[in-house]
Amino acid sequence: MSSYISDTINYLKQSSPAQAEFYQATEEVLATIKPLLDRNPKYRKHNIIQRVIEPERQILFRVAWLDDRGNVQVNKGYRI
């Protein structure tokens, strides 16, 4: 794994804690496009990957639901 990909994953872990599945998916995508990133340093120079992985906006909302015991549970939902 290149240092650019490692740096990007570390950035994600700091900016979006507790999102292990997102880290894994991002790492898989970046590993797939690594040859492209290596051939074209302009992507790193212009922070293209950071622009793509950071959402432009997020909408946070409440999700209330009933569990198996009939108790109301509340979670956060996100629309990105």
PDB file of N, CA and C in Angstrom:
ATOM      1  N   MET A   1       0.859  -1.181   0.000  1.00  0.00           N
ATOM      2  CA  MET A   1       0.000   0.000   0.000  1.00  0.00           C
ATOM      3  C   MET A   1       0.898   1.235   0.000  1.00  0.00           C
ATOM      4  N   SER A   2       0.567   2.187  -0.807  1.00  0.00           N
ATOM      5  CA  SER A   2       1.386   3.398  -0.896  1.00  0.00           C
ATOM      6  C   SER A   2       1.159   4.297   0.313  1.00  0.00           C
ATOM      7  N   SER A   3       2.112   5.200   0.512  1.00  0.00           N
ATOM      8  CA  SER A   3       1.964   6.132   1.635  1.00  0.00           C
ATOM      9  C   SER A   3       0.764   7.059   1.419  1.00  0.00           C
ATOM     10  N   TYR A   4       0.466   7.365   0.157  1.00  0.00           N
ATOM     11  CA  TYR A   4      -0.691   8.218  -0.136  1.00  0.00           C
ATOM     12  C   TYR A   4      -1.981   7.551   0.323  1.00  0.00           C
ATOM     13  N   ILE A   5      -2.122   6.266   0.038  1.00  0.00           N
ATOM     14  CA  ILE A   5      -3.316   5.530   0.469  1.00  0.00           C
ATOM     15  C   ILE A   5      -3.338   5.434   1.989  1.00  0.00           C
ATOM     16  N   SER A   6      -2.198   5.137   2.602  1.00  0.00           N
ATOM     17  CA  SER A   6      -2.122   5.070   4.070  1.00  0.00           C
ATOM     18  C   SER A   6      -2.475   6.411   4.699  1.00  0.00           C
ATOM     19  N   ASP A   7      -1.939   7.483   4.129  1.00  0.00           N
ATOM     20  CA  ASP A   7      -2.248   8.823   4.646  1.00  0.00           C
ATOM     21  C   ASP A   7      -3.738   9.131   4.530  1.00  0.00           C
ATOM     22  N   THR A   8      -4.334   8.712   3.434  1.00  0.00           N
ATOM     23  CA  THR A   8      -5.761   8.949   3.222  1.00  0.00           C
ATOM     24  C   THR A   8      -6.597   8.179   4.233  1.00  0.00           C
ATOM     25  N   ILE A   9      -6.263   6.907   4.470  1.00  0.00           N
ATOM     26  CA  ILE A   9      -6.990   6.097   5.455  1.00  0.00           C
ATOM     27  C   ILE A   9      -6.813   6.690   6.853  1.00  0.00           C
ATOM     28  N   ASN A  10      -5.612   7.121   7.195  1.00  0.00           N
ATOM     29  CA  ASN A  10      -5.385   7.751   8.505  1.00  0.00           C
ATOM     30  C   ASN A  10      -6.195   9.034   8.650  1.00  0.00           C
ATOM     31  N   TYR A  11      -6.278   9.809   7.584  1.00  0.00           N
ATOM     32  CA  TYR A  11      -7.103  11.021   7.598  1.00  0.00           C
ATOM     33  C   TYR A  11      -8.565  10.670   7.878  1.00  0.00           C
ATOM     34  N   LEU A  12      -9.052   9.620   7.210  1.00  0.00           N
ATOM     35  CA  LEU A  12     -10.440   9.193   7.417  1.00  0.00           C
ATOM     36  C   LEU A  12     -10.685   8.777   8.860  1.00  0.00           C
ATOM     37  N   LYS A  13      -9.754   8.030   9.418  1.00  0.00           N
ATOM     38  CA  LYS A  13      -9.917   7.550  10.795  1.00  0.00           C
ATOM     39  C   LYS A  13      -9.975   8.704  11.785  1.00  0.00           C
ATOM     40  N   GLN A  14      -9.259   9.776  11.491  1.00  0.00           N
ATOM     41  CA  GLN A  14      -9.301  10.947  12.369  1.00  0.00           C
ATOM     42  C   GLN A  14     -10.567  11.771  12.161  1.00  0.00           C
ATOM     43  N   SER A  15     -10.990  11.898  10.915  1.00  0.00           N
ATOM     44  CA  SER A  15     -12.140  12.761  10.633  1.00  0.00           C
ATOM     45  C   SER A  15     -13.483  12.057  10.812  1.00  0.00           C
ATOM     46  N   SER A  16     -13.496  10.733  10.710  1.00  0.00           N
ATOM     47  CA  SER A  16     -14.743   9.960  10.829  1.00  0.00           C
ATOM     48  C   SER A  16     -14.517   8.739  11.716  1.00  0.00           C
ATOM     49  N   PRO A  17     -14.376   8.943  13.019  1.00  0.00           N
ATOM     50  CA  PRO A  17     -14.105   7.803  13.895  1.00  0.00           C
ATOM     51  C   PRO A  17     -15.257   6.796  13.902  1.00  0.00           C
ATOM     52  N   ALA A  18     -14.923   5.555  14.168  1.00  0.00           N
ATOM     53  CA  ALA A  18     -15.898   4.454  14.306  1.00  0.00           C
ATOM     54  C   ALA A  18     -16.614   4.112  13.006  1.00  0.00           C
ATOM     55  N   GLN A  19     -15.954   4.264  11.888  1.00  0.00           N
ATOM     56  CA  GLN A  19     -16.553   3.935  10.587  1.00  0.00           C
ATOM     57  C   GLN A  19     -15.717   2.859   9.889  1.00  0.00           C
ATOM     58  N   ALA A  20     -15.497   1.737  10.563  1.00  0.00           N
ATOM     59  CA  ALA A  20     -14.597   0.687  10.076  1.00  0.00           C
ATOM     60  C   ALA A  20     -14.977   0.181   8.684  1.00  0.00           C
ATOM     61  N   GLU A  21     -16.264   0.027   8.414  1.00  0.00           N
ATOM     62  CA  GLU A  21     -16.676  -0.459   7.095  1.00  0.00           C
ATOM     63  C   GLU A  21     -16.340   0.555   6.003  1.00  0.00           C
ATOM     64  N   PHE A  22     -16.463   1.825   6.321  1.00  0.00           N
ATOM     65  CA  PHE A  22     -16.120   2.869   5.360  1.00  0.00           C
ATOM     66  C   PHE A  22     -14.622   2.859   5.078  1.00  0.00           C
ATOM     67  N   TYR A  23     -13.797   2.675   6.137  1.00  0.00           N
ATOM     68  CA  TYR A  23     -12.346   2.593   5.943  1.00  0.00           C
ATOM     69  C   TYR A  23     -12.002   1.426   5.025  1.00  0.00           C
ATOM     70  N   GLN A  24     -12.610   0.279   5.299  1.00  0.00           N
ATOM     71  CA  GLN A  24     -12.321  -0.915   4.505  1.00  0.00           C
ATOM     72  C   GLN A  24     -12.716  -0.701   3.041  1.00  0.00           C
ATOM     73  N   ALA A  25     -13.898  -0.177   2.814  1.00  0.00           N
ATOM     74  CA  ALA A  25     -14.357   0.057   1.440  1.00  0.00           C
ATOM     75  C   ALA A  25     -13.453   1.067   0.729  1.00  0.00           C
ATOM     76  N   THR A  26     -13.079   2.121   1.423  1.00  0.00           N
ATOM     77  CA  THR A  26     -12.206   3.133   0.829  1.00  0.00           C
ATOM     78  C   THR A  26     -10.845   2.545   0.491  1.00  0.00           C
ATOM     79  N   GLU A  27     -10.316   1.746   1.408  1.00  0.00           N
ATOM     80  CA  GLU A  27      -9.014   1.121   1.165  1.00  0.00           C
ATOM     81  C   GLU A  27      -9.065   0.188  -0.046  1.00  0.00           C
ATOM     82  N   GLU A  28     -10.144  -0.564  -0.189  1.00  0.00           N
ATOM     83  CA  GLU A  28     -10.284  -1.467  -1.338  1.00  0.00           C
ATOM     84  C   GLU A  28     -10.358  -0.685  -2.650  1.00  0.00           C
ATOM     85  N   VAL A  29     -11.120   0.393  -2.654  1.00  0.00           N
ATOM     86  CA  VAL A  29     -11.228   1.207  -3.871  1.00  0.00           C
ATOM     87  C   VAL A  29      -9.880   1.848  -4.204  1.00  0.00           C
ATOM     88  N   LEU A  30      -9.208   2.402  -3.200  1.00  0.00           N
ATOM     89  CA  LEU A  30      -7.924   3.050  -3.453  1.00  0.00           C
ATOM     90  C   LEU A  30      -6.870   2.049  -3.914  1.00  0.00           C
ATOM     91  N   ALA A  31      -6.898   0.836  -3.371  1.00  0.00           N
ATOM     92  CA  ALA A  31      -5.959  -0.196  -3.826  1.00  0.00           C
ATOM     93  C   ALA A  31      -6.219  -0.540  -5.292  1.00  0.00           C
ATOM     94  N   THR A  32      -7.473  -0.533  -5.682  1.00  0.00           N
ATOM     95  CA  THR A  32      -7.832  -0.835  -7.069  1.00  0.00           C
ATOM     96  C   THR A  32      -7.338   0.250  -8.028  1.00  0.00           C
ATOM     97  N   ILE A  33      -7.431   1.497  -7.614  1.00  0.00           N
ATOM     98  CA  ILE A  33      -7.012   2.590  -8.501  1.00  0.00           C
ATOM     99  C   ILE A  33      -5.573   3.044  -8.242  1.00  0.00           C
ATOM    100  N   LYS A  34      -4.837   2.307  -7.420  1.00  0.00           N
ATOM    101  CA  LYS A  34      -3.445   2.658  -7.114  1.00  0.00           C
ATOM    102  C   LYS A  34      -2.601   2.860  -8.372  1.00  0.00           C
ATOM    103  N   PRO A  35      -2.683   1.975  -9.386  1.00  0.00           N
ATOM    104  CA  PRO A  35      -1.885   2.224 -10.595  1.00  0.00           C
ATOM    105  C   PRO A  35      -2.194   3.580 -11.247  1.00  0.00           C
ATOM    106  N   LEU A  36      -3.446   3.966 -11.253  1.00  0.00           N
ATOM    107  CA  LEU A  36      -3.825   5.269 -11.799  1.00  0.00           C
ATOM    108  C   LEU A  36      -3.213   6.395 -10.969  1.00  0.00           C
ATOM    109  N   LEU A  37      -3.283   6.268  -9.648  1.00  0.00           N
ATOM    110  CA  LEU A  37      -2.723   7.290  -8.765  1.00  0.00           C
ATOM    111  C   LEU A  37      -1.210   7.387  -8.933  1.00  0.00           C
ATOM    112  N   ASP A  38      -0.547   6.239  -9.111  1.00  0.00           N
ATOM    113  CA  ASP A  38       0.907   6.233  -9.289  1.00  0.00           C
ATOM    114  C   ASP A  38       1.323   6.883 -10.610  1.00  0.00           C
ATOM    115  N   ARG A  39       0.547   6.681 -11.653  1.00  0.00           N
ATOM    116  CA  ARG A  39       0.873   7.236 -12.975  1.00  0.00           C
ATOM    117  C   ARG A  39       0.547   8.722 -13.095  1.00  0.00           C
ATOM    118  N   ASN A  40      -0.356   9.195 -12.273  1.00  0.00           N
ATOM    119  CA  ASN A  40      -0.827  10.584 -12.390  1.00  0.00           C
ATOM    120  C   ASN A  40      -0.688  11.323 -11.063  1.00  0.00           C
ATOM    121  N   PRO A  41       0.478  11.885 -10.773  1.00  0.00           N
ATOM    122  CA  PRO A  41       0.678  12.592  -9.502  1.00  0.00           C
ATOM    123  C   PRO A  41      -0.229  13.812  -9.331  1.00  0.00           C
ATOM    124  N   LYS A  42      -0.862  14.248 -10.417  1.00  0.00           N
ATOM    125  CA  LYS A  42      -1.748  15.419 -10.308  1.00  0.00           C
ATOM    126  C   LYS A  42      -2.927  15.144  -9.371  1.00  0.00           C
ATOM    127  N   TYR A  43      -3.346  13.877  -9.255  1.00  0.00           N
ATOM    128  CA  TYR A  43      -4.457  13.559  -8.357  1.00  0.00           C
ATOM    129  C   TYR A  43      -4.077  13.831  -6.905  1.00  0.00           C
ATOM    130  N   ARG A  44      -2.852  13.498  -6.559  1.00  0.00           N
ATOM    131  CA  ARG A  44      -2.388  13.774  -5.202  1.00  0.00           C
ATOM    132  C   ARG A  44      -2.155  15.278  -5.019  1.00  0.00           C
ATOM    133  N   LYS A  45      -1.542  15.894  -6.005  1.00  0.00           N
ATOM    134  CA  LYS A  45      -1.233  17.325  -5.918  1.00  0.00           C
ATOM    135  C   LYS A  45      -2.491  18.152  -5.663  1.00  0.00           C
ATOM    136  N   HIS A  46      -3.585  17.792  -6.302  1.00  0.00           N
ATOM    137  CA  HIS A  46      -4.831  18.555  -6.190  1.00  0.00           C
ATOM    138  C   HIS A  46      -5.816  17.949  -5.180  1.00  0.00           C
ATOM    139  N   ASN A  47      -5.356  16.974  -4.389  1.00  0.00           N
ATOM    140  CA  ASN A  47      -6.177  16.340  -3.338  1.00  0.00           C
ATOM    141  C   ASN A  47      -7.518  15.832  -3.856  1.00  0.00           C
ATOM    142  N   ILE A  48      -7.498  15.213  -5.003  1.00  0.00           N
ATOM    143  CA  ILE A  48      -8.735  14.718  -5.615  1.00  0.00           C
ATOM    144  C   ILE A  48      -9.394  13.654  -4.743  1.00  0.00           C
ATOM    145  N   ILE A  49      -8.610  12.721  -4.218  1.00  0.00           N
ATOM    146  CA  ILE A  49      -9.185  11.636  -3.413  1.00  0.00           C
ATOM    147  C   ILE A  49      -9.843  12.199  -2.153  1.00  0.00           C
ATOM    148  N   GLN A  50      -9.187  13.135  -1.469  1.00  0.00           N
ATOM    149  CA  GLN A  50      -9.801  13.735  -0.276  1.00  0.00           C
ATOM    150  C   GLN A  50     -11.091  14.464  -0.630  1.00  0.00           C
ATOM    151  N   ARG A  51     -11.146  15.071  -1.768  1.00  0.00           N
ATOM    152  CA  ARG A  51     -12.374  15.758  -2.190  1.00  0.00           C
ATOM    153  C   ARG A  51     -13.514  14.775  -2.410  1.00  0.00           C
ATOM    154  N   VAL A  52     -13.182  13.605  -2.938  1.00  0.00           N
ATOM    155  CA  VAL A  52     -14.212  12.613  -3.240  1.00  0.00           C
ATOM    156  C   VAL A  52     -14.721  11.933  -1.972  1.00  0.00           C
ATOM    157  N   ILE A  53     -13.827  11.641  -1.027  1.00  0.00           N
ATOM    158  CA  ILE A  53     -14.248  10.869   0.153  1.00  0.00           C
ATOM    159  C   ILE A  53     -14.889  11.728   1.238  1.00  0.00           C
ATOM    160  N   GLU A  54     -14.720  13.030   1.163  1.00  0.00           N
ATOM    161  CA  GLU A  54     -15.332  13.921   2.152  1.00  0.00           C
ATOM    162  C   GLU A  54     -16.651  14.433   1.588  1.00  0.00           C
ATOM    163  N   PRO A  55     -17.779  14.123   2.245  1.00  0.00           N
ATOM    164  CA  PRO A  55     -19.062  14.567   1.695  1.00  0.00           C
ATOM    165  C   PRO A  55     -19.191  16.091   1.703  1.00  0.00           C
ATOM    166  N   GLU A  56     -19.851  16.586   0.686  1.00  0.00           N
ATOM    167  CA  GLU A  56     -20.070  18.024   0.585  1.00  0.00           C
ATOM    168  C   GLU A  56     -21.062  18.492   1.645  1.00  0.00           C
ATOM    169  N   ARG A  57     -22.034  17.639   1.938  1.00  0.00           N
ATOM    170  CA  ARG A  57     -23.002  17.962   2.982  1.00  0.00           C
ATOM    171  C   ARG A  57     -23.522  16.668   3.586  1.00  0.00           C
ATOM    172  N   GLN A  58     -24.008  16.777   4.799  1.00  0.00           N
ATOM    173  CA  GLN A  58     -24.616  15.652   5.491  1.00  0.00           C
ATOM    174  C   GLN A  58     -25.911  16.134   6.124  1.00  0.00           C
ATOM    175  N   ILE A  59     -26.886  15.265   6.122  1.00  0.00           N
ATOM    176  CA  ILE A  59     -28.133  15.550   6.818  1.00  0.00           C
ATOM    177  C   ILE A  59     -28.254  14.510   7.922  1.00  0.00           C
ATOM    178  N   LEU A  60     -28.364  14.975   9.141  1.00  0.00           N
ATOM    179  CA  LEU A  60     -28.488  14.111  10.309  1.00  0.00           C
ATOM    180  C   LEU A  60     -29.948  14.096  10.736  1.00  0.00           C
ATOM    181  N   PHE A  61     -30.483  12.906  10.992  1.00  0.00           N
ATOM    182  CA  PHE A  61     -31.868  12.821  11.432  1.00  0.00           C
ATOM    183  C   PHE A  61     -32.030  11.686  12.440  1.00  0.00           C
ATOM    184  N   ARG A  62     -33.128  11.738  13.172  1.00  0.00           N
ATOM    185  CA  ARG A  62     -33.428  10.751  14.207  1.00  0.00           C
ATOM    186  C   ARG A  62     -34.258   9.627  13.600  1.00  0.00           C
ATOM    187  N   VAL A  63     -33.933   8.405  14.013  1.00  0.00           N
ATOM    188  CA  VAL A  63     -34.708   7.237  13.592  1.00  0.00           C
ATOM    189  C   VAL A  63     -35.199   6.539  14.856  1.00  0.00           C
ATOM    190  N   ALA A  64     -36.499   6.562  15.079  1.00  0.00           N
ATOM    191  CA  ALA A  64     -37.096   5.857  16.223  1.00  0.00           C
ATOM    192  C   ALA A  64     -37.687   4.549  15.717  1.00  0.00           C
ATOM    193  N   TRP A  65     -37.464   3.463  16.473  1.00  0.00           N
ATOM    194  CA  TRP A  65     -37.952   2.148  16.062  1.00  0.00           C
ATOM    195  C   TRP A  65     -38.255   1.306  17.291  1.00  0.00           C
ATOM    196  N   LEU A  66     -39.067   0.278  17.112  1.00  0.00           N
ATOM    197  CA  LEU A  66     -39.419  -0.631  18.203  1.00  0.00           C
ATOM    198  C   LEU A  66     -38.546  -1.870  18.128  1.00  0.00           C
ATOM    199  N   ASP A  67     -37.960  -2.231  19.275  1.00  0.00           N
ATOM    200  CA  ASP A  67     -37.170  -3.457  19.298  1.00  0.00           C
ATOM    201  C   ASP A  67     -38.085  -4.661  19.523  1.00  0.00           C
ATOM    202  N   ASP A  68     -37.511  -5.850  19.629  1.00  0.00           N
ATOM    203  CA  ASP A  68     -38.298  -7.079  19.776  1.00  0.00           C
ATOM    204  C   ASP A  68     -39.111  -7.121  21.068  1.00  0.00           C
ATOM    205  N   ARG A  69     -38.727  -6.326  22.049  1.00  0.00           N
ATOM    206  CA  ARG A  69     -39.452  -6.288  23.330  1.00  0.00           C
ATOM    207  C   ARG A  69     -40.511  -5.193  23.363  1.00  0.00           C
ATOM    208  N   GLY A  70     -40.667  -4.476  22.264  1.00  0.00           N
ATOM    209  CA  GLY A  70     -41.657  -3.406  22.203  1.00  0.00           C
ATOM    210  C   GLY A  70     -41.174  -2.082  22.757  1.00  0.00           C
ATOM    211  N   ASN A  71     -39.877  -1.966  23.035  1.00  0.00           N
ATOM    212  CA  ASN A  71     -39.309  -0.720  23.545  1.00  0.00           C
ATOM    213  C   ASN A  71     -38.867   0.167  22.386  1.00  0.00           C
ATOM    214  N   VAL A  72     -39.092   1.453  22.559  1.00  0.00           N
ATOM    215  CA  VAL A  72     -38.664   2.403  21.534  1.00  0.00           C
ATOM    216  C   VAL A  72     -37.158   2.617  21.659  1.00  0.00           C
ATOM    217  N   GLN A  73     -36.471   2.485  20.546  1.00  0.00           N
ATOM    218  CA  GLN A  73     -35.039   2.764  20.462  1.00  0.00           C
ATOM    219  C   GLN A  73     -34.854   3.955  19.530  1.00  0.00           C
ATOM    220  N   VAL A  74     -33.821   4.729  19.760  1.00  0.00           N
ATOM    221  CA  VAL A  74     -33.548   5.899  18.923  1.00  0.00           C
ATOM    222  C   VAL A  74     -32.106   5.822  18.429  1.00  0.00           C
ATOM    223  N   ASN A  75     -31.954   5.966  17.126  1.00  0.00           N
ATOM    224  CA  ASN A  75     -30.631   5.995  16.509  1.00  0.00           C
ATOM    225  C   ASN A  75     -30.518   7.224  15.625  1.00  0.00           C
ATOM    226  N   LYS A  76     -29.283   7.518  15.215  1.00  0.00           N
ATOM    227  CA  LYS A  76     -29.045   8.602  14.270  1.00  0.00           C
ATOM    228  C   LYS A  76     -29.008   8.026  12.870  1.00  0.00           C
ATOM    229  N   GLY A  77     -29.582   8.760  11.941  1.00  0.00           N
ATOM    230  CA  GLY A  77     -29.499   8.407  10.529  1.00  0.00           C
ATOM    231  C   GLY A  77     -28.794   9.528   9.793  1.00  0.00           C
ATOM    232  N   TYR A  78     -28.124   9.166   8.722  1.00  0.00           N
ATOM    233  CA  TYR A  78     -27.383  10.143   7.932  1.00  0.00           C
ATOM    234  C   TYR A  78     -27.773  10.027   6.472  1.00  0.00           C
ATOM    235  N   ARG A  79     -27.922  11.141   5.830  1.00  0.00           N
ATOM    236  CA  ARG A  79     -28.078  11.169   4.376  1.00  0.00           C
ATOM    237  C   ARG A  79     -26.917  12.009   3.856  1.00  0.00           C
ATOM    238  N   ILE A  80     -26.185  11.417   2.963  1.00  0.00           N
ATOM    239  CA  ILE A  80     -24.993  12.100   2.449  1.00  0.00           C
ATOM    240  C   ILE A  80     -25.149  12.312   0.963  1.00  0.00           C
TER     241      ILE A  80
END
